[in-house]
Amino acid sequence: MAAFITLFDWTEQGVRNAKETVNRGRAFGEALEAQGGRLIGIWWTLGQHDGFAIFEAADDAAATKALVALGMAGNIRTETMRAFSEDEMESIVGDLP
């Protein structure tokens, strides 16, 4: 499975409904599981971003579908990075000179 790190920031709507943020995170995890993915965790943060999530999905398309569905609710905006494990990176760079 492919791994992803998503930074998120609350929208005005998301801040107004901040008391539901944990439930929304759980719902995202359930949506990922329904697609065969897995939420590793969500952390809420101080600083530039309101939080981040680490999750796995079958591929980039599955991750994008889950994130678009999440964004459609209007509570957060996201910035997502594909993450590579040590084994994946070793395979990627293994035949470099």
Protein backbone atom coordinates (compact mmCIF):
# COMPACT_ATOMS: atom_id res chain seq x y z
CA MET A 1 0.00 0.00 0.00
CA ALA A 2 1.05 3.56 -0.64
CA ALA A 3 1.60 5.89 2.34
CA PHE A 4 0.57 9.54 2.52
CA ILE A 5 1.06 12.46 4.88
CA THR A 6 -1.68 15.08 4.74
CA LEU A 7 -1.38 18.49 6.34
CA PHE A 8 -4.76 20.06 7.05
CA ASP A 9 -6.10 23.49 7.89
CA TRP A 10 -9.59 24.21 9.14
CA THR A 11 -11.87 26.33 7.00
CA GLU A 12 -14.18 28.87 8.69
CA GLN A 13 -16.84 26.16 8.72
CA GLY A 14 -14.39 23.72 10.27
CA VAL A 15 -13.53 26.14 13.06
CA ARG A 16 -17.22 26.82 13.76
CA ASN A 17 -17.69 23.05 14.10
CA ALA A 18 -14.41 22.36 15.91
CA LYS A 19 -16.15 20.25 18.55
CA GLU A 20 -16.78 17.64 15.82
CA THR A 21 -13.19 17.43 14.60
CA VAL A 22 -12.43 14.12 16.33
CA ASN A 23 -15.61 12.56 14.96
CA ARG A 24 -14.75 13.83 11.49
CA GLY A 25 -11.31 12.25 11.82
CA ARG A 26 -12.87 8.94 12.78
CA ALA A 27 -15.23 9.15 9.82
CA PHE A 28 -12.25 9.71 7.51
CA GLY A 29 -10.64 6.58 8.93
CA GLU A 30 -13.83 4.60 8.32
CA ALA A 31 -14.05 5.91 4.75
CA LEU A 32 -10.45 4.84 4.13
CA GLU A 33 -11.13 1.37 5.52
CA ALA A 34 -14.18 1.02 3.27
CA GLN A 35 -11.82 1.58 0.31
CA GLY A 36 -9.25 -0.87 1.65
CA GLY A 37 -7.00 1.80 3.15
CA ARG A 38 -5.91 2.48 6.71
CA LEU A 39 -5.67 5.59 8.85
CA ILE A 40 -2.46 5.35 10.85
CA GLY A 41 -3.22 8.44 12.90
CA ILE A 42 -4.31 12.04 13.11
CA TRP A 43 -2.53 14.69 15.16
CA TRP A 44 -3.78 18.22 15.82
CA THR A 45 -1.01 20.76 16.00
CA LEU A 46 -0.05 24.29 16.96
CA GLY A 47 1.70 26.38 14.35
CA GLN A 48 1.36 26.81 10.62
CA HIS A 49 -1.10 23.93 10.12
CA ASP A 50 -4.01 22.76 12.26
CA GLY A 51 -2.98 19.13 12.02
CA PHE A 52 -1.79 16.21 9.95
CA ALA A 53 -2.81 12.67 9.17
CA ILE A 54 -0.79 9.68 8.08
CA PHE A 55 -2.64 7.03 6.12
CA GLU A 56 -2.29 4.25 3.59
CA ALA A 57 -4.31 3.74 0.43
CA ALA A 58 -4.13 1.26 -2.42
CA ASP A 59 -2.68 3.88 -4.77
CA ASP A 60 -2.64 7.60 -5.62
CA ALA A 61 -6.12 7.43 -7.17
CA ALA A 62 -7.66 5.87 -4.04
CA ALA A 63 -5.97 8.46 -1.82
CA THR A 64 -7.16 11.29 -4.05
CA LYS A 65 -10.73 9.97 -4.02
CA ALA A 66 -10.73 9.81 -0.20
CA LEU A 67 -9.26 13.30 0.12
CA VAL A 68 -11.65 14.85 -2.39
CA ALA A 69 -14.60 13.32 -0.55
CA LEU A 70 -13.19 14.68 2.72
CA GLY A 71 -12.73 18.15 1.21
CA MET A 72 -16.27 18.19 -0.15
CA ALA A 73 -17.58 18.36 3.42
CA GLY A 74 -16.06 21.86 3.61
CA ASN A 75 -14.34 21.61 7.00
CA ILE A 76 -10.70 21.44 5.96
CA ARG A 77 -8.27 22.15 3.16
CA THR A 78 -5.47 19.68 2.66
CA GLU A 79 -1.95 19.42 1.31
CA THR A 80 -0.82 15.86 0.73
CA MET A 81 2.57 14.29 0.19
CA ARG A 82 3.28 10.74 -1.00
CA ALA A 83 5.62 9.09 1.47
CA PHE A 84 8.05 6.27 0.70
CA SER A 85 9.15 3.61 3.16
CA GLU A 86 12.78 2.62 3.58
CA ASP A 87 12.22 -0.46 1.39
CA GLU A 88 10.46 1.56 -1.31
CA MET A 89 13.23 4.16 -1.34
CA GLU A 90 15.88 1.48 -1.52
CA SER A 91 14.14 0.04 -4.58
CA ILE A 92 13.84 3.48 -6.18
CA VAL A 93 17.49 4.45 -5.76
CA GLY A 94 18.96 0.97 -5.88
CA ASP A 95 20.22 1.13 -9.45
CA LEU A 96 21.55 4.69 -9.36
CA PRO A 97 25.23 5.07 -10.23
